[in-house]
């Protein structure tokens, strides 16, 4: 005899089947939602044998790798696009300073002859005031205008006084760039003010100028980057012992008499100094023929700029524009009349 309730009727079977389907559907949805969470990179394996998550993680890993490479390329391109190619230079003309630096360079080369290729030529010694990017002739002309506009600001800062820069001691930037240090003193503040005025003047002209790091005036005499092959030869830094005898050496003083707009990339001059687009003379009296010529060109250019400005202002006046329109209209009317007369005259001849 069968006991009642011992078997399972059809309705109960359907309920059990429906519950199983709902349970499986919920479980699948739960796993799918986990894949989108930050910890989805962890392999998820459960009783259902789900093993497709690592495959998704692998694809995401490859995608992230490509994204990172793309970001690096864009960063390098941006760095290249922002690379400065011009700079404002205070040339070093004191022979005492250049002679002292040559002695320093020779002392280093005697200890490691491979470093000869890393030395700056004596004709190129300078202090950099500002770096910038000028991509074409138009921007170079704008840079020249900015330099000329800088002159009155420099004169206002100096108040007729001479700016003298004393150089003493040697140091490096990260053991990669060797430079002669600018000694401390009252000359620091006006030099920093001139650098700030230069940066402001050029940026107001729309020129990409200046650096994010703090301005530190210095006189570079060597760079390992000038000879990249040195690293392959085992020369990865400038050894402090090479210049230890010059740590407190006094190289001399430079009287600032000129600021040049120079190119980093164009061919250097025969004396080893950088290609110079324009200059301004600092102080009351220009020094040398070159300075006299530059000062004369500066005054002529400023005079032309003043005249161009006056012409622009005149053309912008309403009465001037009205007069131009009237003359143009009258000119067209006369031309039209002449054309009409020509037609009538030719008709009479025929």
Protein backbone atom coordinates (compact mmCIF):
# COMPACT_ATOMS: atom_id res chain seq x y z
CA UNK A 1 0.00 0.00 0.00
CA UNK A 2 1.27 3.36 -0.93
CA UNK A 3 1.41 6.06 1.69
CA UNK A 4 -0.14 9.40 0.82
CA UNK A 5 2.41 12.14 0.28
CA UNK A 6 5.21 9.68 -0.36
CA UNK A 7 5.42 10.76 -4.03
CA UNK A 8 5.86 14.21 -5.65
CA UNK A 9 3.06 15.53 -7.80
CA UNK A 10 3.55 17.50 -11.05
CA UNK A 11 2.96 20.93 -9.43
CA UNK A 12 5.69 20.36 -6.88
CA UNK A 13 8.10 19.30 -9.66
CA UNK A 14 7.42 22.52 -11.54
CA UNK A 15 8.05 24.59 -8.39
CA UNK A 16 11.37 22.85 -7.72
CA UNK A 17 12.46 23.30 -11.33
CA UNK A 18 11.49 26.99 -11.27
CA UNK A 19 13.45 27.55 -8.04
CA UNK A 20 16.55 25.93 -9.55
CA UNK A 21 16.31 28.13 -12.65
CA UNK A 22 15.93 31.27 -10.51
CA UNK A 23 18.88 30.23 -8.35
CA UNK A 24 21.11 29.62 -11.39
CA UNK A 25 20.03 32.91 -12.99
CA UNK A 26 20.78 34.84 -9.77
CA UNK A 27 24.18 33.15 -9.45
CA UNK A 28 25.09 34.02 -13.04
CA UNK A 29 24.01 37.65 -12.60
CA UNK A 30 26.05 37.88 -9.40
CA UNK A 31 29.23 36.69 -11.14
CA UNK A 32 28.66 39.08 -14.05
CA UNK A 33 28.35 41.98 -11.63
CA UNK A 34 31.58 40.99 -9.86
CA UNK A 35 33.51 41.21 -13.11
CA UNK A 36 32.85 44.96 -13.26
CA UNK A 37 34.19 45.62 -9.76
CA UNK A 38 37.79 46.73 -9.01
CA UNK A 39 38.73 43.35 -7.58
CA UNK A 40 37.60 41.52 -10.74
CA UNK A 41 41.23 40.79 -11.56
CA UNK A 42 41.11 38.00 -8.96
CA UNK A 43 40.29 34.63 -10.50
CA UNK A 44 36.72 33.64 -9.68
CA UNK A 45 36.08 29.89 -9.68
CA UNK A 46 32.99 28.42 -8.04
CA UNK A 47 31.00 25.24 -8.16
CA UNK A 48 29.63 26.17 -11.54
CA UNK A 49 33.17 26.09 -12.97
CA UNK A 50 33.24 29.70 -14.20
CA UNK A 51 36.69 30.28 -15.68
CA UNK A 52 36.10 33.08 -18.21
CA UNK A 53 37.03 35.92 -15.81
CA UNK A 54 40.82 35.50 -16.20
CA UNK A 55 40.31 35.81 -19.97
CA UNK A 56 38.49 39.11 -19.44
CA UNK A 57 41.25 40.24 -17.07
CA UNK A 58 43.89 39.39 -19.66
CA UNK A 59 42.10 41.50 -22.26
CA UNK A 60 41.82 44.38 -19.79
CA UNK A 61 45.49 44.02 -18.90
CA UNK A 62 46.45 44.30 -22.57
CA UNK A 63 44.13 47.28 -22.98
CA UNK A 64 45.69 49.02 -19.96
CA UNK A 65 49.16 48.30 -21.33
CA UNK A 66 48.28 49.92 -24.66
CA UNK A 67 46.71 52.89 -22.84
CA UNK A 68 49.88 53.35 -20.77
CA UNK A 69 52.06 53.20 -23.88
CA UNK A 70 49.80 55.75 -25.57
CA UNK A 71 50.05 58.06 -22.54
CA UNK A 72 53.86 57.78 -22.55
CA UNK A 73 53.96 58.62 -26.28
CA UNK A 74 51.70 61.63 -25.75
CA UNK A 75 53.82 62.77 -22.79
CA UNK A 76 57.01 62.49 -24.85
CA UNK A 77 55.37 64.33 -27.74
CA UNK A 78 54.22 67.10 -25.38
CA UNK A 79 57.73 67.38 -23.94
CA UNK A 80 59.12 67.59 -27.47
CA UNK A 81 56.48 70.15 -28.49
CA UNK A 82 57.31 72.28 -25.44
CA UNK A 83 61.07 71.98 -25.91
CA UNK A 84 62.72 75.45 -25.76
CA UNK A 85 64.91 76.47 -28.69
CA UNK A 86 65.75 80.09 -27.79
CA UNK A 87 67.03 81.81 -24.67
CA UNK A 88 68.03 85.16 -23.21
CA UNK A 89 71.75 85.25 -22.55
CA UNK A 90 74.09 87.44 -20.53
CA UNK A 91 77.41 86.82 -22.33
CA UNK A 92 80.59 86.40 -20.29
CA UNK A 93 83.20 88.75 -21.74
CA UNK A 94 85.65 89.09 -18.83
CA UNK A 95 88.83 87.30 -19.94
CA UNK A 96 89.79 86.63 -16.33
CA UNK A 97 86.65 84.50 -15.92
CA UNK A 98 87.08 82.62 -19.19
CA UNK A 99 90.76 81.97 -18.41
CA UNK A 100 89.88 80.58 -14.97
CA UNK A 101 87.23 78.27 -16.46
CA UNK A 102 89.70 76.99 -19.07
CA UNK A 103 92.12 76.13 -16.27
CA UNK A 104 89.29 74.30 -14.47
CA UNK A 105 88.32 72.38 -17.61
CA UNK A 106 91.92 71.36 -18.32
CA UNK A 107 92.34 70.17 -14.72
CA UNK A 108 89.29 67.91 -15.12
CA UNK A 109 90.40 66.61 -18.53
CA UNK A 110 93.82 65.70 -17.13
CA UNK A 111 92.05 63.39 -14.68
CA UNK A 112 89.77 61.89 -17.34
CA UNK A 113 90.49 62.73 -20.98
CA UNK A 114 87.13 61.32 -22.08
CA UNK A 115 85.44 64.36 -20.51
CA UNK A 116 87.01 66.70 -23.09
CA UNK A 117 83.95 66.20 -25.31
CA UNK A 118 81.64 67.29 -22.47
CA UNK A 119 83.23 70.75 -22.12
CA UNK A 120 81.61 73.99 -23.30
CA UNK A 121 83.72 76.17 -25.57
CA UNK A 122 85.04 79.37 -24.00
CA UNK A 123 83.23 81.54 -26.58
CA UNK A 124 79.85 80.23 -25.44
CA UNK A 125 80.09 81.04 -21.72
CA UNK A 126 76.97 82.86 -20.55
CA UNK A 127 74.29 83.13 -17.87
CA UNK A 128 70.80 82.12 -19.02
CA UNK A 129 68.03 84.52 -17.98
CA UNK A 130 65.09 82.84 -19.69
CA UNK A 131 64.34 79.95 -22.06
CA UNK A 132 61.53 80.00 -24.62
CA UNK A 133 60.12 78.42 -27.75
CA UNK A 134 60.02 80.36 -31.04
CA UNK A 135 58.84 78.17 -33.91
CA UNK A 136 58.96 80.48 -36.94
CA UNK A 137 60.09 83.88 -38.22
CA UNK A 138 56.94 85.60 -36.99
CA UNK A 139 57.49 84.33 -33.46
CA UNK A 140 61.17 85.29 -33.64
CA UNK A 141 60.14 88.84 -34.56
CA UNK A 142 57.71 88.88 -31.65
CA UNK A 143 60.57 87.70 -29.43
CA UNK A 144 62.77 90.52 -30.71
CA UNK A 145 60.02 93.03 -29.95
CA UNK A 146 59.66 91.60 -26.44
CA UNK A 147 63.41 91.94 -25.87
CA UNK A 148 63.33 95.58 -26.97
CA UNK A 149 60.40 96.25 -24.66
CA UNK A 150 62.37 94.67 -21.81
CA UNK A 151 65.09 97.35 -21.91
CA UNK A 152 63.17 100.13 -20.05
CA UNK A 153 62.17 97.62 -17.35
CA UNK A 154 65.82 96.65 -16.85
CA UNK A 155 66.85 100.31 -16.67
CA UNK A 156 64.12 100.97 -14.12
CA UNK A 157 65.32 98.06 -11.96
CA UNK A 158 68.98 99.12 -12.08
CA UNK A 159 68.27 102.85 -11.58
CA UNK A 160 71.44 103.80 -13.44
CA UNK A 161 73.61 101.46 -11.37
CA UNK A 162 75.97 98.87 -12.84
CA UNK A 163 75.05 95.22 -12.33
CA UNK A 164 78.19 93.24 -11.49
CA UNK A 165 78.11 89.44 -11.19
CA UNK A 166 80.90 87.82 -9.11
CA UNK A 167 81.60 84.13 -9.77
CA UNK A 168 83.06 81.91 -7.07
CA UNK A 169 83.17 78.14 -6.55
CA UNK A 170 81.98 75.11 -8.53
CA UNK A 171 78.95 72.83 -8.23
CA UNK A 172 76.83 70.45 -10.32
CA UNK A 173 73.20 69.71 -11.10
CA UNK A 174 72.78 66.06 -10.21
CA UNK A 175 76.43 65.32 -11.09
CA UNK A 176 75.43 65.80 -14.76
CA UNK A 177 75.99 69.52 -15.40
CA UNK A 178 79.03 71.35 -14.07
CA UNK A 179 78.78 75.08 -13.42
CA UNK A 180 80.58 77.99 -11.80
CA UNK A 181 78.47 79.44 -9.00
CA UNK A 182 77.27 83.00 -8.71
CA UNK A 183 78.44 84.36 -5.35
CA UNK A 184 75.91 85.70 -2.87
CA UNK A 185 75.45 89.46 -2.57
CA UNK A 186 73.37 92.54 -3.36
CA UNK A 187 73.46 91.70 -7.08
CA UNK A 188 71.14 88.70 -6.66
CA UNK A 189 67.87 90.61 -6.16
CA UNK A 190 68.15 92.90 -9.21
CA UNK A 191 69.17 89.92 -11.36
CA UNK A 192 66.11 87.96 -10.18
CA UNK A 193 63.92 91.01 -10.83
CA UNK A 194 65.28 91.27 -14.38
CA UNK A 195 64.60 87.56 -14.94
CA UNK A 196 61.02 87.98 -13.67
CA UNK A 197 60.48 91.05 -15.86
CA UNK A 198 61.79 89.13 -18.88
CA UNK A 199 59.48 86.18 -18.22
CA UNK A 200 56.48 88.47 -17.79
CA UNK A 201 57.28 90.54 -20.90
CA UNK A 202 57.68 87.51 -23.17
CA UNK A 203 54.63 85.69 -21.80
CA UNK A 204 52.46 88.78 -22.30
CA UNK A 205 53.45 88.58 -25.98
CA UNK A 206 52.01 85.07 -26.09
CA UNK A 207 55.42 83.36 -26.14
CA UNK A 208 55.89 80.02 -24.41
CA UNK A 209 58.64 81.08 -22.00
CA UNK A 210 60.04 80.14 -18.61
CA UNK A 211 60.42 76.94 -16.62
CA UNK A 212 58.50 75.44 -13.72
CA UNK A 213 61.62 75.14 -11.58
CA UNK A 214 63.02 78.09 -9.64
CA UNK A 215 65.45 80.31 -11.53
CA UNK A 216 69.02 79.67 -10.36
CA UNK A 217 71.59 81.80 -12.21
CA UNK A 218 74.79 79.89 -13.02
CA UNK A 219 77.63 79.65 -15.54
CA UNK A 220 77.76 76.22 -17.18
CA UNK A 221 81.18 74.90 -18.22
CA UNK A 222 80.40 71.22 -18.96
CA UNK A 223 77.51 68.81 -19.63
CA UNK A 224 77.66 65.04 -19.84
CA UNK A 225 74.72 65.19 -22.27
CA UNK A 226 77.05 66.76 -24.86
CA UNK A 227 78.66 63.32 -25.21
CA UNK A 228 75.98 60.61 -24.69
CA UNK A 229 78.48 57.84 -25.49
CA UNK A 230 80.25 58.59 -22.18
CA UNK A 231 77.58 56.61 -20.33
CA UNK A 232 78.39 53.53 -22.40
CA UNK A 233 82.04 54.03 -21.47
CA UNK A 234 81.13 53.97 -17.79
CA UNK A 235 81.13 57.74 -17.18
CA UNK A 236 77.75 58.29 -15.54
CA UNK A 237 78.49 61.33 -13.38
CA UNK A 238 80.93 64.16 -12.76
CA UNK A 239 83.13 63.01 -9.90
CA UNK A 240 83.40 65.77 -7.21
CA UNK A 241 87.10 65.00 -6.78
CA UNK A 242 87.68 66.33 -10.32
CA UNK A 243 86.91 69.91 -9.22
CA UNK A 244 87.57 69.79 -5.47
CA UNK A 245 90.48 72.27 -5.77
CA UNK A 246 88.12 74.86 -7.26
CA UNK A 247 85.35 74.65 -4.65
CA UNK A 248 86.20 78.11 -3.29
CA UNK A 249 88.05 79.52 -6.31
CA UNK A 250 87.25 83.12 -7.30
CA UNK A 251 86.88 83.32 -11.06
CA UNK A 252 86.23 87.06 -11.38
CA UNK A 253 83.42 89.57 -11.95
CA UNK A 254 81.28 90.22 -15.02
CA UNK A 255 79.77 93.66 -15.60
CA UNK A 256 76.42 93.10 -17.31
CA UNK A 257 76.35 95.28 -20.41
CA UNK A 258 74.23 93.25 -22.83
CA UNK A 259 71.32 90.81 -23.03
CA UNK A 260 71.06 88.68 -26.19
CA UNK A 261 68.23 86.69 -27.75
CA UNK A 262 70.05 83.52 -28.87
CA UNK A 263 69.19 80.33 -30.73
CA UNK A 264 70.06 76.95 -29.26
CA UNK A 265 69.94 75.20 -32.64
CA UNK A 266 71.24 77.59 -35.31
CA UNK A 267 74.91 77.53 -36.27
CA UNK A 268 77.16 79.30 -33.77
CA UNK A 269 79.26 82.32 -34.63
CA UNK A 270 82.93 82.03 -35.57
CA UNK A 271 83.95 83.00 -32.02
CA UNK A 272 81.96 80.08 -30.57
CA UNK A 273 79.09 82.21 -29.26
CA UNK A 274 75.50 81.37 -30.10
CA UNK A 275 73.58 82.73 -33.09
CA UNK A 276 72.14 86.03 -31.89
CA UNK A 277 68.84 87.42 -33.24
CA UNK A 278 68.94 90.72 -31.35
CA UNK A 279 70.45 92.43 -28.30
CA UNK A 280 69.81 95.22 -25.85
CA UNK A 281 72.59 97.24 -24.25
CA UNK A 282 72.53 97.69 -20.49
CA UNK A 283 73.98 100.89 -19.05
CA UNK A 284 74.59 104.41 -20.28
CA UNK A 285 77.39 103.78 -22.78
CA UNK A 286 77.41 100.96 -25.35
CA UNK A 287 80.59 98.91 -25.36
CA UNK A 288 82.20 97.98 -28.68
CA UNK A 289 81.18 98.29 -32.34
CA UNK A 290 78.68 95.43 -32.09
CA UNK A 291 76.91 97.11 -29.21
CA UNK A 292 76.81 100.44 -31.06
CA UNK A 293 75.22 98.75 -34.08
CA UNK A 294 72.70 96.88 -31.94
CA UNK A 295 71.78 100.06 -30.08
CA UNK A 296 71.29 101.93 -33.37
CA UNK A 297 69.11 99.12 -34.74
CA UNK A 298 67.12 99.05 -31.52
CA UNK A 299 66.37 102.77 -31.70
CA UNK A 300 65.42 102.53 -35.37
CA UNK A 301 63.12 99.59 -34.71
CA UNK A 302 61.48 101.33 -31.76
CA UNK A 303 60.95 104.41 -33.97
CA UNK A 304 59.29 102.29 -36.66
CA UNK A 305 57.12 100.58 -34.06
CA UNK A 306 55.98 103.97 -32.80
CA UNK A 307 55.07 105.10 -36.33
CA UNK A 308 53.19 101.86 -37.05
CA UNK A 309 51.26 102.30 -33.81
CA UNK A 310 50.31 105.86 -34.78
CA UNK A 311 49.14 104.68 -38.21
CA UNK A 312 46.99 101.94 -36.63
CA UNK A 313 45.42 104.42 -34.22
CA UNK A 314 44.70 106.81 -37.10
CA UNK A 315 43.08 104.08 -39.20
CA UNK A 316 40.84 103.04 -36.30
CA UNK A 317 39.33 106.53 -35.93
CA UNK A 318 35.70 106.72 -37.18
CA UNK A 319 36.32 109.88 -39.21
CA UNK A 320 39.29 108.24 -40.97
CA UNK A 321 37.27 105.14 -41.82
CA UNK A 322 34.38 107.30 -43.07
CA UNK A 323 36.77 109.25 -45.30
CA UNK A 324 38.24 106.02 -46.70
CA UNK A 325 34.76 104.67 -47.48
CA UNK A 326 33.78 107.95 -49.15
CA UNK A 327 36.90 108.00 -51.33
CA UNK A 328 36.43 104.36 -52.27
CA UNK A 329 32.79 105.02 -53.18
CA UNK A 330 33.71 108.07 -55.25
CA UNK A 331 36.44 106.08 -56.97
CA UNK A 332 34.01 103.33 -57.92
CA UNK A 333 31.48 105.91 -59.14
CA UNK A 334 34.08 107.56 -61.37
CA UNK A 335 35.21 104.20 -62.75
CA UNK A 336 31.63 103.20 -63.49
CA UNK A 337 31.04 106.52 -65.23
CA UNK A 338 34.16 106.08 -67.33
CA UNK A 339 33.08 102.58 -68.32
CA UNK A 340 29.69 103.93 -69.36
CA UNK A 341 31.29 106.71 -71.40
CA UNK A 342 33.58 104.23 -73.09
CA UNK A 343 30.62 102.13 -74.17
CA UNK A 344 28.75 105.12 -75.58
CA UNK A 345 31.86 106.37 -77.36
CA UNK A 346 32.53 103.04 -79.01
CA UNK A 347 28.90 102.81 -80.05
CA UNK A 348 29.16 106.20 -81.76
CA UNK A 349 32.31 105.12 -83.61
CA UNK A 350 30.57 102.06 -85.00
